[in-house]
Amino acid sequence: MPPKGRIVVDDRYCKGCELCIVECPQNVMELDLSRLTPKGYHPAHLKTEGCTGCAVCALVCPEAAITVYRETVQRGES
């Protein structure tokens, strides 16, 4: 089972440059055309499930607007 992740994009910093979208290896991000940030940009968001929490999006974001959360899997005791 692949790991699961999610992102939170800080609208105060996202400028809709799309670098995160282009570099996402899972191809699960897009610009949210239904809303604007306070600075007038369409922010990035997850368009579908499939985020693995790899954090490539956060690494390439020039504004450090993305926080990645990765679900940890608890292994049972053997």
N, C-alpha and C. Protein backbone atom coordinates (compact mmCIF):
# COMPACT_ATOMS: atom_id res chain seq x y z
N MET A 1 0.84 -1.17 0.00
CA MET A 1 0.00 0.00 0.00
C MET A 1 0.89 1.24 0.00
N PRO A 2 0.71 2.15 -0.98
CA PRO A 2 1.54 3.35 -1.02
C PRO A 2 1.19 4.29 0.13
N PRO A 3 2.17 5.06 0.58
CA PRO A 3 1.89 6.00 1.66
C PRO A 3 0.89 7.06 1.21
N LYS A 4 0.18 7.64 2.17
CA LYS A 4 -0.78 8.68 1.86
C LYS A 4 -0.30 10.00 2.44
N GLY A 5 -0.60 11.06 1.72
CA GLY A 5 -0.21 12.37 2.19
C GLY A 5 -1.27 13.39 1.84
N ARG A 6 -1.06 14.59 2.34
CA ARG A 6 -1.92 15.71 1.99
C ARG A 6 -1.09 16.97 2.09
N ILE A 7 -1.56 18.01 1.46
CA ILE A 7 -0.85 19.28 1.50
C ILE A 7 -1.77 20.38 2.00
N VAL A 8 -1.15 21.41 2.54
CA VAL A 8 -1.85 22.64 2.89
C VAL A 8 -1.08 23.76 2.22
N VAL A 9 -1.79 24.53 1.40
CA VAL A 9 -1.18 25.65 0.68
C VAL A 9 -1.57 26.93 1.40
N ASP A 10 -0.59 27.71 1.78
CA ASP A 10 -0.82 28.98 2.47
C ASP A 10 -1.13 30.06 1.42
N ASP A 11 -2.37 30.49 1.39
CA ASP A 11 -2.82 31.47 0.40
C ASP A 11 -2.08 32.80 0.50
N ARG A 12 -1.49 33.09 1.65
CA ARG A 12 -0.76 34.36 1.79
C ARG A 12 0.51 34.36 0.94
N TYR A 13 1.03 33.18 0.60
CA TYR A 13 2.30 33.11 -0.11
C TYR A 13 2.20 32.52 -1.52
N CYS A 14 1.21 31.68 -1.79
CA CYS A 14 1.11 31.04 -3.10
C CYS A 14 0.83 32.08 -4.18
N LYS A 15 1.64 32.06 -5.23
CA LYS A 15 1.45 33.00 -6.34
C LYS A 15 1.05 32.29 -7.63
N GLY A 16 0.64 31.05 -7.52
CA GLY A 16 0.13 30.33 -8.68
C GLY A 16 1.14 30.10 -9.78
N CYS A 17 2.40 29.92 -9.43
CA CYS A 17 3.47 29.77 -10.43
C CYS A 17 3.45 28.41 -11.13
N GLU A 18 2.78 27.44 -10.54
CA GLU A 18 2.61 26.10 -11.07
C GLU A 18 3.86 25.22 -11.03
N LEU A 19 4.92 25.64 -10.39
CA LEU A 19 6.11 24.78 -10.29
C LEU A 19 5.78 23.48 -9.57
N CYS A 20 4.99 23.56 -8.51
CA CYS A 20 4.61 22.37 -7.76
C CYS A 20 3.79 21.42 -8.62
N ILE A 21 2.93 21.97 -9.44
CA ILE A 21 2.06 21.16 -10.31
C ILE A 21 2.88 20.42 -11.34
N VAL A 22 3.82 21.11 -11.94
CA VAL A 22 4.68 20.50 -12.97
C VAL A 22 5.55 19.40 -12.39
N GLU A 23 6.05 19.60 -11.17
CA GLU A 23 6.99 18.65 -10.58
C GLU A 23 6.34 17.52 -9.79
N CYS A 24 5.05 17.57 -9.55
CA CYS A 24 4.38 16.53 -8.77
C CYS A 24 4.48 15.18 -9.48
N PRO A 25 5.18 14.20 -8.89
CA PRO A 25 5.34 12.91 -9.57
C PRO A 25 4.03 12.11 -9.65
N GLN A 26 3.07 12.42 -8.80
CA GLN A 26 1.79 11.71 -8.81
C GLN A 26 0.75 12.39 -9.69
N ASN A 27 1.06 13.60 -10.17
CA ASN A 27 0.15 14.37 -11.03
C ASN A 27 -1.22 14.56 -10.37
N VAL A 28 -1.22 14.99 -9.11
CA VAL A 28 -2.48 15.15 -8.37
C VAL A 28 -2.75 16.60 -7.97
N MET A 29 -2.01 17.54 -8.54
CA MET A 29 -2.19 18.94 -8.18
C MET A 29 -2.65 19.76 -9.38
N GLU A 30 -3.35 20.86 -9.09
CA GLU A 30 -3.76 21.81 -10.12
C GLU A 30 -4.03 23.15 -9.44
N LEU A 31 -4.23 24.18 -10.24
CA LEU A 31 -4.63 25.47 -9.69
C LEU A 31 -6.12 25.42 -9.40
N ASP A 32 -6.51 26.03 -8.30
CA ASP A 32 -7.92 26.10 -7.93
C ASP A 32 -8.51 27.35 -8.60
N LEU A 33 -9.13 27.17 -9.76
CA LEU A 33 -9.65 28.28 -10.53
C LEU A 33 -10.93 28.86 -9.95
N SER A 34 -11.45 28.24 -8.89
CA SER A 34 -12.69 28.73 -8.29
C SER A 34 -12.45 29.78 -7.20
N ARG A 35 -11.19 30.01 -6.86
CA ARG A 35 -10.92 31.01 -5.82
C ARG A 35 -9.62 31.74 -6.08
N LEU A 36 -9.46 32.88 -5.41
CA LEU A 36 -8.27 33.70 -5.53
C LEU A 36 -7.66 33.92 -4.15
N THR A 37 -6.34 34.07 -4.13
CA THR A 37 -5.65 34.40 -2.89
C THR A 37 -5.83 35.90 -2.63
N PRO A 38 -5.46 36.38 -1.44
CA PRO A 38 -5.56 37.82 -1.17
C PRO A 38 -4.77 38.68 -2.16
N LYS A 39 -3.75 38.09 -2.79
CA LYS A 39 -2.95 38.84 -3.77
C LYS A 39 -3.48 38.68 -5.20
N GLY A 40 -4.56 37.90 -5.37
CA GLY A 40 -5.19 37.78 -6.68
C GLY A 40 -4.73 36.62 -7.54
N TYR A 41 -4.10 35.63 -6.95
CA TYR A 41 -3.64 34.45 -7.69
C TYR A 41 -4.56 33.27 -7.43
N HIS A 42 -4.62 32.36 -8.39
CA HIS A 42 -5.31 31.08 -8.17
C HIS A 42 -4.31 30.17 -7.45
N PRO A 43 -4.63 29.68 -6.25
CA PRO A 43 -3.68 28.85 -5.51
C PRO A 43 -3.68 27.40 -5.99
N ALA A 44 -2.59 26.72 -5.72
CA ALA A 44 -2.49 25.29 -6.01
C ALA A 44 -3.30 24.52 -4.98
N HIS A 45 -3.75 23.34 -5.36
CA HIS A 45 -4.44 22.44 -4.42
C HIS A 45 -4.41 21.04 -5.00
N LEU A 46 -4.81 20.05 -4.19
CA LEU A 46 -4.91 18.67 -4.67
C LEU A 46 -6.19 18.52 -5.47
N LYS A 47 -6.07 17.99 -6.68
CA LYS A 47 -7.26 17.81 -7.52
C LYS A 47 -7.88 16.44 -7.33
N THR A 48 -7.13 15.52 -6.78
CA THR A 48 -7.61 14.15 -6.60
C THR A 48 -6.79 13.46 -5.52
N GLU A 49 -7.24 12.32 -5.09
CA GLU A 49 -6.46 11.53 -4.15
C GLU A 49 -5.25 10.95 -4.86
N GLY A 50 -4.29 10.52 -4.10
CA GLY A 50 -3.10 9.92 -4.68
C GLY A 50 -1.81 10.55 -4.20
N CYS A 51 -1.93 11.61 -3.39
CA CYS A 51 -0.74 12.24 -2.83
C CYS A 51 -0.04 11.24 -1.92
N THR A 52 1.28 11.10 -2.09
CA THR A 52 2.05 10.17 -1.26
C THR A 52 2.84 10.89 -0.18
N GLY A 53 2.76 12.21 -0.16
CA GLY A 53 3.50 12.97 0.84
C GLY A 53 4.98 13.03 0.55
N CYS A 54 5.36 12.94 -0.73
CA CYS A 54 6.78 12.93 -1.10
C CYS A 54 7.46 14.27 -0.85
N ALA A 55 6.70 15.35 -0.81
CA ALA A 55 7.17 16.70 -0.51
C ALA A 55 7.96 17.36 -1.64
N VAL A 56 7.92 16.81 -2.83
CA VAL A 56 8.58 17.47 -3.96
C VAL A 56 7.97 18.85 -4.18
N CYS A 57 6.65 18.96 -4.06
CA CYS A 57 5.98 20.24 -4.25
C CYS A 57 6.51 21.30 -3.29
N ALA A 58 6.68 20.93 -2.04
CA ALA A 58 7.17 21.87 -1.04
C ALA A 58 8.63 22.26 -1.31
N LEU A 59 9.41 21.33 -1.81
CA LEU A 59 10.82 21.61 -2.09
C LEU A 59 11.00 22.58 -3.25
N VAL A 60 10.15 22.50 -4.26
CA VAL A 60 10.30 23.37 -5.43
C VAL A 60 9.56 24.70 -5.29
N CYS A 61 8.72 24.83 -4.28
CA CYS A 61 7.94 26.06 -4.12
C CYS A 61 8.87 27.22 -3.72
N PRO A 62 8.98 28.24 -4.58
CA PRO A 62 9.89 29.35 -4.27
C PRO A 62 9.40 30.22 -3.12
N GLU A 63 8.14 30.13 -2.77
CA GLU A 63 7.58 30.95 -1.70
C GLU A 63 7.40 30.18 -0.39
N ALA A 64 7.77 28.90 -0.38
CA ALA A 64 7.59 28.05 0.80
C ALA A 64 6.15 28.08 1.29
N ALA A 65 5.22 28.00 0.35
CA ALA A 65 3.79 28.12 0.65
C ALA A 65 3.12 26.78 0.94
N ILE A 66 3.84 25.68 0.77
CA ILE A 66 3.23 24.36 0.88
C ILE A 66 3.78 23.60 2.08
N THR A 67 2.87 23.09 2.89
CA THR A 67 3.22 22.20 3.99
C THR A 67 2.68 20.82 3.65
N VAL A 68 3.52 19.81 3.78
CA VAL A 68 3.14 18.44 3.44
C VAL A 68 2.98 17.63 4.71
N TYR A 69 1.91 16.87 4.75
CA TYR A 69 1.66 15.96 5.87
C TYR A 69 1.62 14.55 5.31
N ARG A 70 2.37 13.66 5.92
CA ARG A 70 2.43 12.28 5.47
C ARG A 70 1.87 11.36 6.57
N GLU A 71 0.96 10.51 6.17
CA GLU A 71 0.36 9.57 7.10
C GLU A 71 1.39 8.51 7.48
N THR A 72 1.55 8.31 8.78
CA THR A 72 2.49 7.28 9.22
C THR A 72 1.72 5.99 9.46
N VAL A 73 2.35 4.91 9.08
CA VAL A 73 1.73 3.59 9.22
C VAL A 73 2.30 2.93 10.47
N GLN A 74 1.43 2.56 11.37
CA GLN A 74 1.87 1.88 12.59
C GLN A 74 1.96 0.38 12.29
N ARG A 75 3.12 -0.18 12.53
CA ARG A 75 3.30 -1.61 12.31
C ARG A 75 2.91 -2.35 13.58
N GLY A 76 2.19 -3.44 13.40
CA GLY A 76 1.78 -4.26 14.56
C GLY A 76 2.97 -5.01 15.12
N GLU A 77 2.91 -5.30 16.39
CA GLU A 77 4.00 -6.04 17.02
C GLU A 77 3.91 -7.51 16.60
N SER A 78 5.05 -8.09 16.27
CA SER A 78 5.07 -9.48 15.83
C SER A 78 5.42 -10.41 16.95
